[in-house]
Amino acid sequence: MIRKESVEQLWQAGRNGDPFALTMMGLWLYEGKIVRQDQQNGLSILQEMNQHGVLWAYDLLRYINSSPGDDDVSDHAIVSGQATQQMGQAIENGNVFAMTALGELYYWGKTVPQNRQVAWQFLERASSAGCLVAKDLIQALLEYEQSPTTNFDNVFRKDEVMKENCNPQTTGPTNDPSAKQPNNPSDAMAELNSLIGLERVKKEVMSLRNFVTVQRQREQQGLRTMSVSYHCVFSGSPGTGKTTVARIVAGICRDLGILKKGHLVEVQRSDLVAEYIGQTAPKTNAKIDEALDGVLFIDEAYTLANGGPMDFGLEAINTLLKRMEDDRDRLVVILAGYSDEIKQFINSNPGLESRFNRYIHFDDYSDLELMDIFCYNLNKGQYRITEEALLQVYRIINEKLAQKDARFGNARYIRNLFEKIVQKQSDRLASLGEVSKEQLTMITEDDVSLS
């Protein structure tokens, strides 16, 4: 329970310009759990802190914008590693509200890795420095831990900790196309929203869906409507979910009545371009025929123009452009590839430039999102992991992120990492002979030592 005097101390620090006190104040006002709810004022404070570069405020706003109507922000919003690093820098300068906020985040696992020992250190340090909110939180958490139904030691045993993020009920699907997907076609938008990360993508696809829906309503009311091109360009690094989102977009187009079937046909250069004169156009047309009433997804589309003036790739492009016009009511085309290359490809061809005006960029996954994807793979494979091993995975991911280049595989890298860890576990268990079900499911720190 946060006392009145603690709230007043926070308010005073906010009035004095403390950015973390202000962010905490904005969150409290938006949620209405501790003070009287005032979402407009809370949102205004968070937006102001975001403009001043407070990454914690940015992460909170990102969740609020992606989940309108949900005021349980502190329980659901994921705080990025960059935000926690910024809090850590403020802590070095003695900011007690950064200590308090980061302590609570670490305690509940709202950042990676969850570490209650560190959480207590931050909270006790802030309390000793005179922060009343930290003092109240310590009391509340002590009462929580003493409750027989919520005792931390009863939930997480030291030798086999399962991080809360690795709970199958709280971790969404990844961009892994082999993951089980909803069977109901009308679930396409819900499936998109359930994917880990991709906030920019979700916003763009929702915007397209909203536009089509409103135009349909105008048509029903006898009002003029605007024509829209459904063709898209997906840009971004490998392993960021472009193929999976293309399949979901096909389902959304079907649900909206834009396409009859809404299936996805994925092709590359070799599926469209032949080796001899006269074979490319028939080969390209065959794939387009297969995609009619659905989506044709061309991965690394710029490779169609990489063969030089004597290459047949240009013939494939011209065939595609003609069919896009002839079958404009039955075909949606999505081009995908690296950001710079795909942009140069579109800009180099007036025909492509005139037909593709909807660009969606897929951001690289953050460290937290990659950890969520790793945990999803754990749950999907019916594995568990010790706390020490999970911390080691987090360190490996951060080391990789620090060294990554434009070819970094994102979710694909995580899948490969997971498979290497499982192989290492298999090698370890095979030397033991007969093993228990517990041993078969548990990933240990030895399995994560990949050197």
Protein backbone atom coordinates (compact mmCIF):
# COMPACT_ATOMS: atom_id res chain seq x y z
CA MET A 1 0.00 0.00 0.00
CA ILE A 2 1.47 3.33 -1.04
CA ARG A 3 0.87 5.93 1.66
CA LYS A 4 -0.34 9.48 1.07
CA GLU A 5 2.97 10.99 2.20
CA SER A 6 4.81 8.77 -0.31
CA VAL A 7 2.59 10.04 -3.13
CA GLU A 8 3.19 13.62 -2.03
CA GLN A 9 6.97 13.07 -2.04
CA LEU A 10 6.76 11.67 -5.57
CA TRP A 11 4.62 14.61 -6.68
CA GLN A 12 7.14 17.09 -5.26
CA ALA A 13 10.04 15.37 -7.00
CA GLY A 14 8.05 15.51 -10.25
CA ARG A 15 7.39 19.21 -9.82
CA ASN A 16 11.15 19.63 -9.35
CA GLY A 17 11.72 18.00 -12.72
CA ASP A 18 12.81 14.46 -11.81
CA PRO A 19 12.15 12.49 -15.05
CA PHE A 20 11.66 9.11 -13.36
CA ALA A 21 9.36 10.53 -10.71
CA LEU A 22 7.34 12.16 -13.51
CA THR A 23 7.19 8.90 -15.49
CA MET A 24 6.04 7.00 -12.41
CA MET A 25 3.47 9.73 -11.76
CA GLY A 26 2.20 9.50 -15.35
CA LEU A 27 1.87 5.72 -15.07
CA TRP A 28 -0.03 5.96 -11.78
CA LEU A 29 -2.43 8.55 -13.17
CA TYR A 30 -3.04 6.53 -16.33
CA GLU A 31 -3.72 3.28 -14.46
CA GLY A 32 -5.60 4.68 -11.48
CA LYS A 33 -4.38 1.92 -9.16
CA ILE A 34 -2.64 4.12 -6.59
CA VAL A 35 -4.11 7.58 -7.22
CA ARG A 36 -7.39 8.73 -8.71
CA GLN A 37 -7.37 7.86 -12.39
CA ASP A 38 -6.78 10.68 -14.85
CA GLN A 39 -5.74 9.03 -18.11
CA GLN A 40 -5.54 12.23 -20.12
CA ASN A 41 -3.16 13.85 -17.64
CA GLY A 42 -1.18 10.64 -17.21
CA LEU A 43 -0.82 10.22 -20.95
CA SER A 44 0.27 13.85 -21.30
CA ILE A 45 3.00 13.38 -18.70
CA LEU A 46 4.26 10.18 -20.34
CA GLN A 47 4.33 11.86 -23.75
CA GLU A 48 6.29 14.79 -22.33
CA MET A 49 8.82 12.41 -20.72
CA ASN A 50 9.11 10.51 -23.99
CA GLN A 51 9.93 13.78 -25.76
CA HIS A 52 12.62 14.38 -23.14
CA GLY A 53 14.20 11.01 -23.97
CA VAL A 54 13.00 8.85 -21.08
CA LEU A 55 13.02 5.36 -22.62
CA TRP A 56 10.85 3.89 -19.86
CA ALA A 57 8.12 6.36 -20.83
CA TYR A 58 8.59 5.40 -24.49
CA ASP A 59 8.08 1.69 -23.67
CA LEU A 60 4.95 2.45 -21.63
CA LEU A 61 3.51 4.57 -24.44
CA ARG A 62 4.30 1.85 -26.96
CA TYR A 63 2.16 -0.60 -25.00
CA ILE A 64 -0.63 1.96 -24.45
CA ASN A 65 -0.76 2.73 -28.17
CA SER A 66 -0.77 -0.95 -29.13
CA SER A 67 -3.45 -1.92 -26.57
CA PRO A 68 -6.05 0.87 -26.41
CA GLY A 69 -8.50 0.43 -23.56
CA ASP A 70 -6.13 -1.61 -21.38
CA ASP A 71 -5.16 0.45 -18.35
CA ASP A 72 -3.21 -2.40 -16.71
CA VAL A 73 0.00 -1.08 -18.23
CA SER A 74 2.44 -1.90 -15.44
CA ASP A 75 1.51 -5.61 -15.57
CA HIS A 76 1.68 -5.96 -19.35
CA ALA A 77 4.16 -3.46 -20.77
CA ILE A 78 7.64 -4.82 -21.53
CA VAL A 79 10.49 -2.50 -20.63
CA SER A 80 13.45 -2.67 -23.02
CA GLY A 81 17.05 -3.32 -22.16
CA GLN A 82 17.91 0.19 -23.36
CA ALA A 83 15.43 1.66 -20.88
CA THR A 84 16.86 -0.34 -17.99
CA GLN A 85 20.38 0.74 -18.97
CA GLN A 86 19.23 4.35 -18.89
CA MET A 87 17.76 3.77 -15.42
CA GLY A 88 21.06 2.20 -14.38
CA GLN A 89 22.92 5.34 -15.44
CA ALA A 90 20.49 7.46 -13.40
CA ILE A 91 21.03 5.15 -10.43
CA GLU A 92 24.78 5.78 -10.63
CA ASN A 93 23.91 9.46 -10.20
CA GLY A 94 21.82 8.64 -7.11
CA ASN A 95 18.29 8.91 -8.57
CA VAL A 96 16.12 7.16 -5.97
CA PHE A 97 13.04 6.95 -8.22
CA ALA A 98 15.06 5.19 -10.93
CA MET A 99 16.24 2.79 -8.19
CA THR A 100 12.67 2.19 -7.09
CA ALA A 101 11.29 1.73 -10.59
CA LEU A 102 14.06 -0.64 -11.69
CA GLY A 103 13.84 -2.55 -8.43
CA GLU A 104 10.14 -3.21 -8.98
CA LEU A 105 10.75 -4.17 -12.63
CA TYR A 106 13.42 -6.68 -11.66
CA TYR A 107 11.26 -8.09 -8.89
CA TRP A 108 8.34 -8.92 -11.18
CA GLY A 109 10.44 -9.87 -14.19
CA LYS A 110 9.23 -6.95 -16.33
CA THR A 111 12.76 -6.70 -17.64
CA VAL A 112 15.34 -9.33 -18.47
CA PRO A 113 16.69 -11.08 -16.54
CA GLN A 114 14.37 -11.32 -13.54
CA ASN A 115 16.51 -10.98 -10.43
CA ARG A 116 14.86 -10.52 -7.06
CA GLN A 117 18.17 -10.26 -5.23
CA VAL A 118 19.07 -7.22 -7.32
CA ALA A 119 15.52 -5.93 -6.90
CA TRP A 120 15.86 -5.93 -3.12
CA GLN A 121 19.22 -4.17 -3.34
CA PHE A 122 17.76 -1.35 -5.41
CA LEU A 123 14.66 -0.97 -3.24
CA GLU A 124 16.57 -1.06 0.04
CA ARG A 125 19.12 1.43 -1.30
CA ALA A 126 16.35 3.80 -2.39
CA SER A 127 14.57 3.40 0.94
CA SER A 128 17.78 4.14 2.83
CA ALA A 129 18.18 7.27 0.73
CA GLY A 130 14.77 8.49 1.91
CA CYS A 131 12.45 7.33 -0.91
CA LEU A 132 9.08 6.65 0.76
CA VAL A 133 7.66 4.83 -2.29
CA ALA A 134 10.53 2.32 -2.08
CA LYS A 135 9.88 1.87 1.63
CA ASP A 136 6.19 1.15 0.98
CA LEU A 137 7.02 -1.28 -1.81
CA ILE A 138 9.40 -3.20 0.44
CA GLN A 139 6.64 -3.62 3.03
CA ALA A 140 4.12 -4.69 0.40
CA LEU A 141 6.51 -7.23 -1.15
CA LEU A 142 7.43 -8.68 2.24
CA GLU A 143 3.73 -9.28 2.87
CA TYR A 144 3.41 -10.81 -0.59
CA GLU A 145 6.27 -13.25 -0.01
CA GLN A 146 4.92 -14.28 3.37
CA SER A 147 1.59 -15.26 1.84
CA PRO A 148 1.43 -19.10 1.64
CA THR A 149 -0.17 -18.98 -1.80
CA THR A 150 2.39 -16.65 -3.35
CA ASN A 151 5.63 -17.52 -1.54
CA PHE A 152 8.45 -17.07 -4.02
CA ASP A 153 10.32 -20.15 -2.79
CA ASN A 154 7.26 -22.32 -3.39
CA VAL A 155 7.01 -21.16 -7.00
CA PHE A 156 10.67 -21.03 -8.05
CA ARG A 157 13.15 -23.51 -6.57
CA LYS A 158 16.73 -22.28 -6.86
CA ASP A 159 17.93 -25.29 -8.87
CA GLU A 160 15.18 -25.20 -11.48
CA VAL A 161 13.86 -21.72 -11.99
CA MET A 162 11.42 -21.15 -14.83
CA LYS A 163 11.23 -17.49 -15.79
CA GLU A 164 7.72 -16.03 -15.89
CA ASN A 165 8.28 -15.00 -19.51
CA CYS A 166 8.73 -18.71 -20.31
CA ASN A 167 5.18 -19.59 -19.30
CA PRO A 168 3.29 -20.94 -22.32
CA GLN A 169 0.21 -19.03 -21.25
CA THR A 170 1.94 -15.66 -21.36
CA THR A 171 4.27 -15.98 -24.32
CA GLY A 172 2.95 -15.31 -27.82
CA PRO A 173 3.95 -16.98 -31.07
CA THR A 174 7.00 -15.97 -33.05
CA ASN A 175 7.56 -15.54 -36.74
CA ASP A 176 8.32 -19.26 -36.97
CA PRO A 177 6.03 -20.48 -39.78
CA SER A 178 6.02 -23.97 -38.27
CA ALA A 179 4.31 -22.68 -35.13
CA LYS A 180 0.70 -23.76 -34.72
CA GLN A 181 -1.62 -21.03 -35.93
CA PRO A 182 -5.32 -20.35 -35.36
CA ASN A 183 -7.66 -22.40 -37.53
CA ASN A 184 -10.41 -19.81 -37.72
CA PRO A 185 -9.78 -17.45 -40.68
CA SER A 186 -11.34 -14.56 -38.77
CA ASP A 187 -8.52 -14.82 -36.24
CA ALA A 188 -5.98 -13.28 -38.66
CA MET A 189 -5.84 -9.88 -36.98
CA ALA A 190 -5.74 -11.45 -33.52
CA GLU A 191 -2.89 -13.66 -34.70
CA LEU A 192 -0.95 -10.61 -35.87
CA ASN A 193 -1.44 -8.84 -32.55
CA SER A 194 -0.25 -11.95 -30.69
CA LEU A 195 3.14 -11.98 -32.42
CA ILE A 196 6.14 -10.95 -30.36
CA GLY A 197 7.33 -7.41 -31.14
CA LEU A 198 6.60 -5.93 -34.59
CA GLU A 199 4.74 -2.95 -33.14
CA ARG A 200 5.34 -0.76 -36.21
CA VAL A 201 4.12 -3.56 -38.50
CA LYS A 202 0.98 -4.15 -36.45
CA LYS A 203 0.16 -0.44 -36.59
CA GLU A 204 0.60 -0.29 -40.38
CA VAL A 205 -1.49 -3.38 -41.05
CA MET A 206 -4.21 -2.17 -38.69
CA SER A 207 -4.20 1.17 -40.52
CA LEU A 208 -4.73 -0.60 -43.86
CA ARG A 209 -7.50 -2.70 -42.38
CA ASN A 210 -9.19 0.37 -40.90
CA PHE A 211 -9.02 2.23 -44.22
CA VAL A 212 -10.63 -0.64 -46.12
CA THR A 213 -13.33 -1.05 -43.46
CA VAL A 214 -14.26 2.65 -43.51
CA GLN A 215 -14.30 2.77 -47.32
CA ARG A 216 -16.69 -0.20 -47.32
CA GLN A 217 -18.95 1.65 -44.89
CA ARG A 218 -18.92 4.75 -47.11
CA GLU A 219 -19.83 2.61 -50.10
CA GLN A 220 -22.76 1.13 -48.21
CA GLN A 221 -23.98 4.65 -47.40
CA GLY A 222 -23.76 5.74 -51.06
CA LEU A 223 -20.73 7.97 -50.50
CA ARG A 224 -17.73 8.32 -52.74
CA THR A 225 -14.85 6.00 -51.99
CA MET A 226 -11.12 6.12 -52.64
CA SER A 227 -9.38 3.34 -54.48
CA VAL A 228 -6.41 1.83 -52.66
CA SER A 229 -3.51 -0.33 -53.72
CA TYR A 230 -3.08 -3.40 -51.55
CA HIS A 231 0.36 -4.23 -52.92
CA CYS A 232 3.07 -3.85 -50.27
CA VAL A 233 6.81 -3.67 -49.84
CA PHE A 234 8.18 -5.38 -46.72
CA SER A 235 11.69 -4.26 -45.82
CA GLY A 236 13.96 -5.37 -43.01
CA SER A 237 16.57 -7.84 -41.84
CA PRO A 238 16.23 -11.61 -42.08
CA GLY A 239 14.19 -13.41 -39.45
CA THR A 240 11.92 -10.45 -38.59
CA GLY A 241 8.65 -12.12 -39.58
CA LYS A 242 8.06 -10.86 -43.11
CA THR A 243 6.81 -14.19 -44.48
CA THR A 244 4.57 -14.84 -41.49
CA VAL A 245 3.04 -11.37 -41.65
CA ALA A 246 2.51 -11.77 -45.42
CA ARG A 247 0.47 -14.91 -44.72
CA ILE A 248 -1.54 -13.06 -42.07
CA VAL A 249 -2.15 -10.14 -44.44
CA ALA A 250 -3.49 -12.66 -46.98
CA GLY A 251 -5.94 -13.87 -44.34
CA ILE A 252 -7.00 -10.32 -43.49
CA CYS A 253 -7.61 -9.59 -47.19
CA ARG A 254 -9.79 -12.67 -47.33
CA ASP A 255 -11.72 -11.65 -44.22
CA LEU A 256 -12.35 -8.19 -45.69
CA GLY A 257 -13.55 -9.61 -49.00
CA ILE A 258 -10.61 -8.26 -50.98
CA LEU A 259 -9.47 -11.77 -51.94
CA LYS A 260 -11.61 -14.89 -52.31
CA LYS A 261 -9.07 -17.43 -51.05
CA GLY A 262 -6.43 -15.44 -49.16
CA HIS A 263 -3.69 -18.03 -49.59
CA LEU A 264 0.03 -17.22 -49.83
CA VAL A 265 2.34 -18.30 -52.64
CA GLU A 266 5.98 -17.62 -51.72
CA VAL A 267 8.52 -17.39 -54.54
CA GLN A 268 12.11 -16.38 -55.17
CA ARG A 269 14.01 -15.47 -58.31
CA SER A 270 14.56 -19.12 -59.30
CA ASP A 271 10.79 -19.72 -59.28
CA LEU A 272 10.20 -16.97 -61.85
CA VAL A 273 13.29 -16.68 -64.03
CA ALA A 274 14.24 -19.40 -66.52
CA GLU A 275 17.61 -20.12 -68.12
CA TYR A 276 16.60 -19.96 -71.77
CA ILE A 277 14.80 -17.56 -74.09
CA GLY A 278 11.02 -17.90 -74.10
CA GLN A 279 10.75 -19.79 -70.80
CA THR A 280 10.63 -16.98 -68.23
CA ALA A 281 7.21 -15.52 -69.07
CA PRO A 282 5.41 -18.90 -68.92
CA LYS A 283 7.24 -19.75 -65.69
CA THR A 284 6.29 -16.43 -64.09
CA ASN A 285 2.68 -16.67 -65.33
CA ALA A 286 2.35 -20.14 -63.84
CA LYS A 287 3.29 -18.86 -60.37
CA ILE A 288 0.96 -15.87 -60.74
CA ASP A 289 -1.88 -18.20 -61.75
CA GLU A 290 -1.19 -20.21 -58.60
CA ALA A 291 -1.44 -17.04 -56.52
CA LEU A 292 -4.69 -15.69 -58.05
CA ASP A 293 -7.29 -14.76 -55.39
CA GLY A 294 -4.42 -14.69 -52.90
CA VAL A 295 -1.03 -13.10 -52.23
CA LEU A 296 2.15 -13.55 -54.28
CA PHE A 297 5.08 -13.03 -51.92
CA ILE A 298 8.42 -12.42 -53.68
CA ASP A 299 11.34 -12.71 -51.26
CA GLU A 300 14.56 -10.85 -52.10
CA ALA A 301 12.68 -9.33 -55.03
CA TYR A 302 15.61 -7.10 -56.03
CA THR A 303 17.50 -10.17 -57.27
CA LEU A 304 15.19 -10.07 -60.31
CA ALA A 305 17.15 -7.03 -61.51
CA ASN A 306 20.64 -8.18 -60.52
CA GLY A 307 21.48 -10.16 -63.65
CA GLY A 308 22.34 -7.31 -66.01
CA PRO A 309 20.78 -6.21 -69.32
CA MET A 310 20.98 -9.69 -70.92
CA ASP A 311 19.34 -11.40 -67.95
CA PHE A 312 15.77 -12.73 -68.08
CA GLY A 313 14.89 -11.15 -64.74
CA LEU A 314 13.60 -8.04 -66.53
CA GLU A 315 11.20 -10.25 -68.48
CA ALA A 316 9.84 -11.63 -65.20
CA ILE A 317 9.34 -8.08 -63.88
CA ASN A 318 7.48 -6.98 -67.01
CA THR A 319 5.30 -10.10 -66.91
CA LEU A 320 4.49 -9.42 -63.26
CA LEU A 321 3.58 -5.77 -63.94
CA LYS A 322 1.22 -6.74 -66.76
CA ARG A 323 -0.52 -9.37 -64.66
CA MET A 324 -0.87 -6.96 -61.73
CA GLU A 325 -2.85 -4.72 -64.05
CA ASP A 326 -4.82 -7.48 -65.79
CA ASP A 327 -5.69 -9.26 -62.51
CA ARG A 328 -5.79 -6.25 -60.20
CA ASP A 329 -8.99 -7.51 -58.51
CA ARG A 330 -7.63 -11.00 -57.91
CA LEU A 331 -4.01 -10.51 -56.93
CA VAL A 332 -2.04 -8.84 -54.15
CA VAL A 333 1.75 -8.74 -54.54
CA ILE A 334 4.16 -8.29 -51.63
CA LEU A 335 7.84 -7.65 -52.35
CA ALA A 336 10.32 -8.30 -49.55
CA GLY A 337 14.01 -7.86 -48.85
CA TYR A 338 16.70 -5.79 -47.22
CA SER A 339 15.73 -2.15 -46.78
CA ASP A 340 18.31 -0.41 -48.99
CA GLU A 341 18.28 -2.99 -51.76
CA ILE A 342 14.49 -3.16 -52.05
CA LYS A 343 14.22 0.64 -52.11
CA GLN A 344 16.77 0.92 -54.91
CA PHE A 345 14.97 -1.82 -56.82
CA ILE A 346 11.59 -0.08 -56.63
CA ASN A 347 13.03 3.34 -57.48
CA SER A 348 14.87 1.97 -60.52
CA ASN A 349 11.68 0.87 -62.28
CA PRO A 350 8.84 3.38 -62.93
CA GLY A 351 6.35 0.55 -63.34
CA LEU A 352 7.12 -0.85 -59.90
CA GLU A 353 7.27 2.60 -58.31
CA SER A 354 3.76 3.44 -59.55
CA ARG A 355 2.22 0.22 -58.22
CA PHE A 356 3.86 -0.03 -54.79
CA ASN A 357 3.19 2.86 -52.44
CA ARG A 358 2.67 1.03 -49.15
CA TYR A 359 5.97 0.37 -47.39
CA ILE A 360 6.19 -1.52 -44.10
CA HIS A 361 9.53 -1.74 -42.31
CA PHE A 362 10.25 -4.65 -39.96
CA ASP A 363 12.48 -3.55 -37.10
CA ASP A 364 15.11 -5.86 -35.64
CA TYR A 365 14.02 -7.55 -32.42
CA SER A 366 15.21 -6.12 -29.11
CA ASP A 367 17.00 -8.22 -26.50
CA LEU A 368 13.75 -8.66 -24.56
CA GLU A 369 11.85 -9.75 -27.64
CA LEU A 370 14.56 -12.24 -28.58
CA MET A 371 14.37 -13.65 -25.05
CA ASP A 372 10.60 -13.99 -25.44
CA ILE A 373 11.14 -15.86 -28.71
CA PHE A 374 13.66 -18.16 -27.03
CA CYS A 375 11.17 -18.88 -24.25
CA TYR A 376 8.48 -19.57 -26.83
CA ASN A 377 10.74 -22.19 -28.40
CA LEU A 378 11.31 -23.69 -24.95
CA ASN A 379 7.61 -24.04 -24.30
CA LYS A 380 6.86 -25.31 -27.77
CA GLY A 381 9.48 -28.04 -27.31
CA GLN A 382 8.31 -28.86 -23.74
CA TYR A 383 11.59 -27.81 -22.16
CA ARG A 384 12.35 -25.91 -18.99
CA ILE A 385 15.48 -24.00 -18.00
CA THR A 386 17.39 -23.16 -14.84
CA GLU A 387 17.85 -19.56 -13.78
CA GLU A 388 21.61 -19.72 -14.36
CA ALA A 389 21.13 -21.10 -17.86
CA LEU A 390 18.57 -18.45 -18.73
CA LEU A 391 20.93 -15.71 -17.60
CA GLN A 392 23.63 -17.24 -19.79
CA VAL A 393 21.25 -17.22 -22.79
CA TYR A 394 20.59 -13.55 -22.15
CA ARG A 395 24.33 -12.82 -22.08
CA ILE A 396 24.85 -14.70 -25.36
CA ILE A 397 22.06 -12.75 -27.02
CA ASN A 398 23.40 -9.40 -25.86
CA GLU A 399 26.92 -10.27 -27.02
CA LYS A 400 25.50 -11.19 -30.42
CA LEU A 401 23.49 -7.98 -30.61
CA ALA A 402 26.60 -5.94 -29.81
CA GLN A 403 28.38 -7.52 -32.80
CA LYS A 404 25.47 -7.88 -35.25
CA ASP A 405 25.56 -6.64 -38.82
CA ALA A 406 22.88 -6.15 -41.46
CA ARG A 407 22.70 -9.93 -42.01
CA PHE A 408 21.82 -10.78 -38.40
CA GLY A 409 19.07 -13.41 -38.44
CA ASN A 410 16.91 -12.20 -35.51
CA ALA A 411 14.32 -14.91 -34.76
CA ARG A 412 16.16 -17.27 -37.11
CA TYR A 413 19.29 -16.81 -34.99
CA ILE A 414 17.29 -17.63 -31.85
CA ARG A 415 15.90 -20.79 -33.43
CA ASN A 416 19.43 -21.90 -34.37
CA LEU A 417 20.69 -21.04 -30.88
CA PHE A 418 17.89 -23.07 -29.32
CA GLU A 419 18.64 -26.06 -31.54
CA LYS A 420 22.35 -25.93 -30.61
CA ILE A 421 21.43 -25.86 -26.90
CA VAL A 422 19.10 -28.83 -27.30
CA GLN A 423 21.85 -30.72 -29.16
CA LYS A 424 24.27 -29.95 -26.32
CA GLN A 425 21.71 -31.22 -23.80
CA SER A 426 21.25 -34.40 -25.83
CA ASP A 427 25.00 -35.04 -25.85
CA ARG A 428 25.13 -34.52 -22.08
CA LEU A 429 22.18 -36.80 -21.34
CA ALA A 430 23.34 -39.55 -23.71
CA SER A 431 26.45 -40.05 -21.56
CA LEU A 432 24.31 -40.62 -18.45
CA GLY A 433 22.44 -43.66 -19.68
CA GLU A 434 18.92 -43.94 -18.26
CA VAL A 435 17.53 -40.50 -17.39
CA SER A 436 14.31 -39.21 -15.82
CA LYS A 437 11.57 -37.15 -17.41
CA GLU A 438 12.78 -34.23 -15.31
CA GLN A 439 16.26 -34.49 -16.80
CA LEU A 440 14.86 -34.80 -20.33
CA THR A 441 13.03 -31.49 -20.01
CA MET A 442 15.60 -29.42 -18.11
CA ILE A 443 18.15 -27.16 -19.83
CA THR A 444 21.13 -26.42 -17.57
CA GLU A 445 24.01 -23.96 -17.71
CA ASP A 446 26.28 -26.69 -19.13
CA ASP A 447 23.96 -26.94 -22.16
CA VAL A 448 24.19 -23.22 -22.83
CA SER A 449 28.00 -23.20 -22.82
CA LEU A 450 28.33 -23.43 -26.59
CA SER A 451 32.09 -22.94 -26.89
